Structures are given as structure tokens and as C-alpha cells.
Amino acid sequence: MATRLETWSKLEVRSVVRFLTAKGLSPTEIHKELVAVYGEAVMSRKQVSVWSNAFKHGRVNLEDKPRC
């Protein structure tokens, strides 16, 4: 059973998404893993999909893109 982490940062979670995407997990599988460790307040399933897709297409930066 996973240990629940009470605090986390967006960059930490994005890094985990990048790692699990590289291991070949689907966004749904990644989201289940995130919820198991970080709780329900973690990134949404849709956002996991957005970030996973970005990483698959070569994105390496974990920061938000600057707003214009």
C-alpha cells in the first residue's frame, strides 16, 4: 500500500507524470497512481492526459508556459 503524501508541488507531480509516461503507462493508469499517493486533490485525469501527451511529443520543461 502506498504512503499518502500530504504536501506536494505541481512540478513534483508533473515530473512523476513525465516519468510514468516514459515507462509506458496510460494517462488513466498514471492518474490512479497519483491519487493513490497524493490524494483526490492531485491533478485531474484530463490534465494528466494533457501533460502526458506533451511529454510524448518532446516537451521537457515542467514549468507553465508564460502568459502573453
PDB file of N, CA and C in Angstrom:
ATOM      1  N   MET A   1       0.837  -1.183   0.000  1.00  0.00           N
ATOM      2  CA  MET A   1       0.000   0.000   0.000  1.00  0.00           C
ATOM      3  C   MET A   1       0.880   1.244   0.000  1.00  0.00           C
ATOM      4  N   ALA A   2       0.496   2.227  -0.787  1.00  0.00           N
ATOM      5  CA  ALA A   2       1.280   3.455  -0.921  1.00  0.00           C
ATOM      6  C   ALA A   2       1.125   4.338   0.315  1.00  0.00           C
ATOM      7  N   THR A   3       2.186   5.053   0.637  1.00  0.00           N
ATOM      8  CA  THR A   3       2.124   6.050   1.694  1.00  0.00           C
ATOM      9  C   THR A   3       1.528   7.320   1.117  1.00  0.00           C
ATOM     10  N   ARG A   4       0.550   7.891   1.782  1.00  0.00           N
ATOM     11  CA  ARG A   4      -0.106   9.112   1.311  1.00  0.00           C
ATOM     12  C   ARG A   4       0.766  10.313   1.666  1.00  0.00           C
ATOM     13  N   LEU A   5       1.075  11.127   0.667  1.00  0.00           N
ATOM     14  CA  LEU A   5       1.847  12.347   0.882  1.00  0.00           C
ATOM     15  C   LEU A   5       0.879  13.510   1.038  1.00  0.00           C
ATOM     16  N   GLU A   6       1.037  14.275   2.095  1.00  0.00           N
ATOM     17  CA  GLU A   6       0.117  15.373   2.395  1.00  0.00           C
ATOM     18  C   GLU A   6       0.465  16.654   1.646  1.00  0.00           C
ATOM     19  N   THR A   7       1.732  16.829   1.315  1.00  0.00           N
ATOM     20  CA  THR A   7       2.140  18.038   0.594  1.00  0.00           C
ATOM     21  C   THR A   7       2.893  17.638  -0.663  1.00  0.00           C
ATOM     22  N   TRP A   8       2.718  18.443  -1.704  1.00  0.00           N
ATOM     23  CA  TRP A   8       3.379  18.203  -2.978  1.00  0.00           C
ATOM     24  C   TRP A   8       3.311  19.483  -3.799  1.00  0.00           C
ATOM     25  N   SER A   9       4.154  19.558  -4.807  1.00  0.00           N
ATOM     26  CA  SER A   9       4.145  20.722  -5.694  1.00  0.00           C
ATOM     27  C   SER A   9       3.704  20.298  -7.092  1.00  0.00           C
ATOM     28  N   LYS A  10       3.265  21.274  -7.872  1.00  0.00           N
ATOM     29  CA  LYS A  10       2.880  20.998  -9.260  1.00  0.00           C
ATOM     30  C   LYS A  10       4.042  20.393 -10.027  1.00  0.00           C
ATOM     31  N   LEU A  11       5.234  20.921  -9.806  1.00  0.00           N
ATOM     32  CA  LEU A  11       6.399  20.426 -10.540  1.00  0.00           C
ATOM     33  C   LEU A  11       6.724  18.984 -10.167  1.00  0.00           C
ATOM     34  N   GLU A  12       6.546  18.643  -8.906  1.00  0.00           N
ATOM     35  CA  GLU A  12       6.773  17.261  -8.472  1.00  0.00           C
ATOM     36  C   GLU A  12       5.814  16.317  -9.187  1.00  0.00           C
ATOM     37  N   VAL A  13       4.544  16.679  -9.211  1.00  0.00           N
ATOM     38  CA  VAL A  13       3.535  15.825  -9.842  1.00  0.00           C
ATOM     39  C   VAL A  13       3.791  15.724 -11.345  1.00  0.00           C
ATOM     40  N   ARG A  14       4.130  16.837 -11.980  1.00  0.00           N
ATOM     41  CA  ARG A  14       4.425  16.810 -13.418  1.00  0.00           C
ATOM     42  C   ARG A  14       5.621  15.921 -13.713  1.00  0.00           C
ATOM     43  N   SER A  15       6.601  15.941 -12.834  1.00  0.00           N
ATOM     44  CA  SER A  15       7.775  15.087 -13.001  1.00  0.00           C
ATOM     45  C   SER A  15       7.388  13.608 -12.926  1.00  0.00           C
ATOM     46  N   VAL A  16       6.498  13.277 -12.011  1.00  0.00           N
ATOM     47  CA  VAL A  16       6.016  11.899 -11.899  1.00  0.00           C
ATOM     48  C   VAL A  16       5.253  11.510 -13.164  1.00  0.00           C
ATOM     49  N   VAL A  17       4.422  12.421 -13.677  1.00  0.00           N
ATOM     50  CA  VAL A  17       3.684  12.152 -14.916  1.00  0.00           C
ATOM     51  C   VAL A  17       4.669  11.889 -16.044  1.00  0.00           C
ATOM     52  N   ARG A  18       5.708  12.692 -16.140  1.00  0.00           N
ATOM     53  CA  ARG A  18       6.718  12.508 -17.194  1.00  0.00           C
ATOM     54  C   ARG A  18       7.388  11.139 -17.072  1.00  0.00           C
ATOM     55  N   PHE A  19       7.779  10.790 -15.860  1.00  0.00           N
ATOM     56  CA  PHE A  19       8.437   9.507 -15.610  1.00  0.00           C
ATOM     57  C   PHE A  19       7.530   8.332 -15.974  1.00  0.00           C
ATOM     58  N   LEU A  20       6.292   8.363 -15.501  1.00  0.00           N
ATOM     59  CA  LEU A  20       5.377   7.251 -15.760  1.00  0.00           C
ATOM     60  C   LEU A  20       4.967   7.184 -17.227  1.00  0.00           C
ATOM     61  N   THR A  21       4.907   8.328 -17.897  1.00  0.00           N
ATOM     62  CA  THR A  21       4.653   8.341 -19.341  1.00  0.00           C
ATOM     63  C   THR A  21       5.801   7.641 -20.060  1.00  0.00           C
ATOM     64  N   ALA A  22       7.031   7.948 -19.651  1.00  0.00           N
ATOM     65  CA  ALA A  22       8.208   7.321 -20.266  1.00  0.00           C
ATOM     66  C   ALA A  22       8.217   5.805 -20.035  1.00  0.00           C
ATOM     67  N   LYS A  23       7.645   5.365 -18.926  1.00  0.00           N
ATOM     68  CA  LYS A  23       7.562   3.927 -18.639  1.00  0.00           C
ATOM     69  C   LYS A  23       6.444   3.253 -19.418  1.00  0.00           C
ATOM     70  N   GLY A  24       5.619   4.043 -20.110  1.00  0.00           N
ATOM     71  CA  GLY A  24       4.582   3.471 -20.955  1.00  0.00           C
ATOM     72  C   GLY A  24       3.204   3.362 -20.329  1.00  0.00           C
ATOM     73  N   LEU A  25       2.989   3.961 -19.157  1.00  0.00           N
ATOM     74  CA  LEU A  25       1.672   3.921 -18.539  1.00  0.00           C
ATOM     75  C   LEU A  25       0.717   4.861 -19.264  1.00  0.00           C
ATOM     76  N   SER A  26      -0.547   4.502 -19.294  1.00  0.00           N
ATOM     77  CA  SER A  26      -1.572   5.349 -19.903  1.00  0.00           C
ATOM     78  C   SER A  26      -1.929   6.478 -18.933  1.00  0.00           C
ATOM     79  N   PRO A  27      -2.524   7.565 -19.432  1.00  0.00           N
ATOM     80  CA  PRO A  27      -2.957   8.639 -18.536  1.00  0.00           C
ATOM     81  C   PRO A  27      -3.888   8.152 -17.425  1.00  0.00           C
ATOM     82  N   THR A  28      -4.768   7.216 -17.727  1.00  0.00           N
ATOM     83  CA  THR A  28      -5.671   6.682 -16.700  1.00  0.00           C
ATOM     84  C   THR A  28      -4.889   5.950 -15.616  1.00  0.00           C
ATOM     85  N   GLU A  29      -3.913   5.143 -16.026  1.00  0.00           N
ATOM     86  CA  GLU A  29      -3.078   4.424 -15.058  1.00  0.00           C
ATOM     87  C   GLU A  29      -2.253   5.405 -14.226  1.00  0.00           C
ATOM     88  N   ILE A  30      -1.720   6.423 -14.879  1.00  0.00           N
ATOM     89  CA  ILE A  30      -0.928   7.435 -14.175  1.00  0.00           C
ATOM     90  C   ILE A  30      -1.792   8.142 -13.144  1.00  0.00           C
ATOM     91  N   HIS A  31      -3.003   8.529 -13.531  1.00  0.00           N
ATOM     92  CA  HIS A  31      -3.887   9.234 -12.597  1.00  0.00           C
ATOM     93  C   HIS A  31      -4.201   8.364 -11.382  1.00  0.00           C
ATOM     94  N   LYS A  32      -4.438   7.091 -11.582  1.00  0.00           N
ATOM     95  CA  LYS A  32      -4.703   6.186 -10.456  1.00  0.00           C
ATOM     96  C   LYS A  32      -3.514   6.140  -9.503  1.00  0.00           C
ATOM     97  N   GLU A  33      -2.310   6.096 -10.059  1.00  0.00           N
ATOM     98  CA  GLU A  33      -1.099   6.098  -9.228  1.00  0.00           C
ATOM     99  C   GLU A  33      -0.975   7.406  -8.448  1.00  0.00           C
ATOM    100  N   LEU A  34      -1.234   8.524  -9.114  1.00  0.00           N
ATOM    101  CA  LEU A  34      -1.146   9.828  -8.453  1.00  0.00           C
ATOM    102  C   LEU A  34      -2.137   9.928  -7.298  1.00  0.00           C
ATOM    103  N   VAL A  35      -3.377   9.528  -7.539  1.00  0.00           N
ATOM    104  CA  VAL A  35      -4.408   9.600  -6.498  1.00  0.00           C
ATOM    105  C   VAL A  35      -4.043   8.706  -5.314  1.00  0.00           C
ATOM    106  N   ALA A  36      -3.462   7.550  -5.582  1.00  0.00           N
ATOM    107  CA  ALA A  36      -3.075   6.632  -4.506  1.00  0.00           C
ATOM    108  C   ALA A  36      -2.044   7.252  -3.572  1.00  0.00           C
ATOM    109  N   VAL A  37      -1.162   8.085  -4.120  1.00  0.00           N
ATOM    110  CA  VAL A  37      -0.090   8.665  -3.314  1.00  0.00           C
ATOM    111  C   VAL A  37      -0.408  10.082  -2.841  1.00  0.00           C
ATOM    112  N   TYR A  38      -0.986  10.902  -3.725  1.00  0.00           N
ATOM    113  CA  TYR A  38      -1.194  12.315  -3.413  1.00  0.00           C
ATOM    114  C   TYR A  38      -2.623  12.661  -3.001  1.00  0.00           C
ATOM    115  N   GLY A  39      -3.577  11.767  -3.188  1.00  0.00           N
ATOM    116  CA  GLY A  39      -4.953  12.032  -2.803  1.00  0.00           C
ATOM    117  C   GLY A  39      -5.774  12.619  -3.941  1.00  0.00           C
ATOM    118  N   GLU A  40      -7.051  12.780  -3.690  1.00  0.00           N
ATOM    119  CA  GLU A  40      -8.008  13.228  -4.705  1.00  0.00           C
ATOM    120  C   GLU A  40      -7.743  14.644  -5.211  1.00  0.00           C
ATOM    121  N   ALA A  41      -7.058  15.464  -4.432  1.00  0.00           N
ATOM    122  CA  ALA A  41      -6.824  16.861  -4.822  1.00  0.00           C
ATOM    123  C   ALA A  41      -5.697  17.018  -5.843  1.00  0.00           C
ATOM    124  N   VAL A  42      -5.080  15.915  -6.227  1.00  0.00           N
ATOM    125  CA  VAL A  42      -3.991  15.966  -7.198  1.00  0.00           C
ATOM    126  C   VAL A  42      -4.541  16.345  -8.575  1.00  0.00           C
ATOM    127  N   MET A  43      -3.686  16.485  -9.529  1.00  0.00           N
ATOM    128  CA  MET A  43      -4.033  16.813 -10.911  1.00  0.00           C
ATOM    129  C   MET A  43      -5.184  15.946 -11.430  1.00  0.00           C
ATOM    130  N   SER A  44      -6.075  16.558 -12.207  1.00  0.00           N
ATOM    131  CA  SER A  44      -7.214  15.829 -12.771  1.00  0.00           C
ATOM    132  C   SER A  44      -6.758  14.833 -13.837  1.00  0.00           C
ATOM    133  N   ARG A  45      -7.613  13.881 -14.127  1.00  0.00           N
ATOM    134  CA  ARG A  45      -7.333  12.884 -15.173  1.00  0.00           C
ATOM    135  C   ARG A  45      -7.107  13.568 -16.515  1.00  0.00           C
ATOM    136  N   LYS A  46      -7.903  14.596 -16.811  1.00  0.00           N
ATOM    137  CA  LYS A  46      -7.764  15.331 -18.072  1.00  0.00           C
ATOM    138  C   LYS A  46      -6.402  16.024 -18.147  1.00  0.00           C
ATOM    139  N   GLN A  47      -5.971  16.654 -17.063  1.00  0.00           N
ATOM    140  CA  GLN A  47      -4.676  17.329 -17.058  1.00  0.00           C
ATOM    141  C   GLN A  47      -3.525  16.331 -17.169  1.00  0.00           C
ATOM    142  N   VAL A  48      -3.680  15.167 -16.571  1.00  0.00           N
ATOM    143  CA  VAL A  48      -2.664  14.122 -16.733  1.00  0.00           C
ATOM    144  C   VAL A  48      -2.525  13.789 -18.210  1.00  0.00           C
ATOM    145  N   SER A  49      -3.647  13.669 -18.898  1.00  0.00           N
ATOM    146  CA  SER A  49      -3.628  13.359 -20.323  1.00  0.00           C
ATOM    147  C   SER A  49      -2.938  14.462 -21.122  1.00  0.00           C
ATOM    148  N   VAL A  50      -3.241  15.724 -20.793  1.00  0.00           N
ATOM    149  CA  VAL A  50      -2.623  16.863 -21.485  1.00  0.00           C
ATOM    150  C   VAL A  50      -1.108  16.837 -21.294  1.00  0.00           C
ATOM    151  N   TRP A  51      -0.660  16.669 -20.055  1.00  0.00           N
ATOM    152  CA  TRP A  51       0.775  16.661 -19.778  1.00  0.00           C
ATOM    153  C   TRP A  51       1.454  15.432 -20.373  1.00  0.00           C
ATOM    154  N   SER A  52       0.828  14.289 -20.262  1.00  0.00           N
ATOM    155  CA  SER A  52       1.401  13.067 -20.827  1.00  0.00           C
ATOM    156  C   SER A  52       1.596  13.209 -22.333  1.00  0.00           C
ATOM    157  N   ASN A  53       0.597  13.739 -23.002  1.00  0.00           N
ATOM    158  CA  ASN A  53       0.686  13.956 -24.448  1.00  0.00           C
ATOM    159  C   ASN A  53       1.815  14.932 -24.788  1.00  0.00           C
ATOM    160  N   ALA A  54       1.937  16.002 -24.010  1.00  0.00           N
ATOM    161  CA  ALA A  54       3.007  16.977 -24.247  1.00  0.00           C
ATOM    162  C   ALA A  54       4.381  16.313 -24.100  1.00  0.00           C
ATOM    163  N   PHE A  55       4.544  15.496 -23.078  1.00  0.00           N
ATOM    164  CA  PHE A  55       5.824  14.811 -22.876  1.00  0.00           C
ATOM    165  C   PHE A  55       6.103  13.817 -23.999  1.00  0.00           C
ATOM    166  N   LYS A  56       5.079  13.133 -24.479  1.00  0.00           N
ATOM    167  CA  LYS A  56       5.254  12.198 -25.597  1.00  0.00           C
ATOM    168  C   LYS A  56       5.713  12.918 -26.859  1.00  0.00           C
ATOM    169  N   HIS A  57       5.332  14.183 -26.985  1.00  0.00           N
ATOM    170  CA  HIS A  57       5.693  14.965 -28.167  1.00  0.00           C
ATOM    171  C   HIS A  57       6.944  15.819 -27.947  1.00  0.00           C
ATOM    172  N   GLY A  58       7.724  15.488 -26.925  1.00  0.00           N
ATOM    173  CA  GLY A  58       9.031  16.103 -26.763  1.00  0.00           C
ATOM    174  C   GLY A  58       9.166  17.201 -25.732  1.00  0.00           C
ATOM    175  N   ARG A  59       8.096  17.573 -25.073  1.00  0.00           N
ATOM    176  CA  ARG A  59       8.226  18.614 -24.056  1.00  0.00           C
ATOM    177  C   ARG A  59       9.061  18.078 -22.899  1.00  0.00           C
ATOM    178  N   VAL A  60       9.977  18.910 -22.420  1.00  0.00           N
ATOM    179  CA  VAL A  60      10.799  18.528 -21.278  1.00  0.00           C
ATOM    180  C   VAL A  60      10.640  19.507 -20.118  1.00  0.00           C
ATOM    181  N   ASN A  61      10.184  20.714 -20.397  1.00  0.00           N
ATOM    182  CA  ASN A  61      10.016  21.739 -19.376  1.00  0.00           C
ATOM    183  C   ASN A  61       8.788  21.435 -18.527  1.00  0.00           C
ATOM    184  N   LEU A  62       8.953  21.466 -17.215  1.00  0.00           N
ATOM    185  CA  LEU A  62       7.851  21.198 -16.293  1.00  0.00           C
ATOM    186  C   LEU A  62       7.104  22.462 -15.887  1.00  0.00           C
ATOM    187  N   GLU A  63       7.675  23.612 -16.189  1.00  0.00           N
ATOM    188  CA  GLU A  63       7.065  24.893 -15.810  1.00  0.00           C
ATOM    189  C   GLU A  63       5.905  25.227 -16.736  1.00  0.00           C
ATOM    190  N   ASP A  64       4.972  26.052 -16.228  1.00  0.00           N
ATOM    191  CA  ASP A  64       3.907  26.577 -17.078  1.00  0.00           C
ATOM    192  C   ASP A  64       4.515  27.472 -18.145  1.00  0.00           C
ATOM    193  N   LYS A  65       3.898  27.493 -19.319  1.00  0.00           N
ATOM    194  CA  LYS A  65       4.344  28.418 -20.358  1.00  0.00           C
ATOM    195  C   LYS A  65       3.942  29.829 -19.948  1.00  0.00           C
ATOM    196  N   PRO A  66       4.795  30.828 -20.232  1.00  0.00           N
ATOM    197  CA  PRO A  66       4.457  32.210 -19.864  1.00  0.00           C
ATOM    198  C   PRO A  66       3.186  32.671 -20.576  1.00  0.00           C
ATOM    199  N   ARG A  67       2.393  33.443 -19.851  1.00  0.00           N
ATOM    200  CA  ARG A  67       1.189  34.015 -20.457  1.00  0.00           C
ATOM    201  C   ARG A  67       1.556  35.298 -21.174  1.00  0.00           C
ATOM    202  N   CYS A  68       0.881  35.547 -22.262  1.00  0.00           N
ATOM    203  CA  CYS A  68       1.157  36.763 -23.038  1.00  0.00           C
ATOM    204  C   CYS A  68       0.381  37.941 -22.514  1.00  0.00           C
TER     205      CYS A  68
END
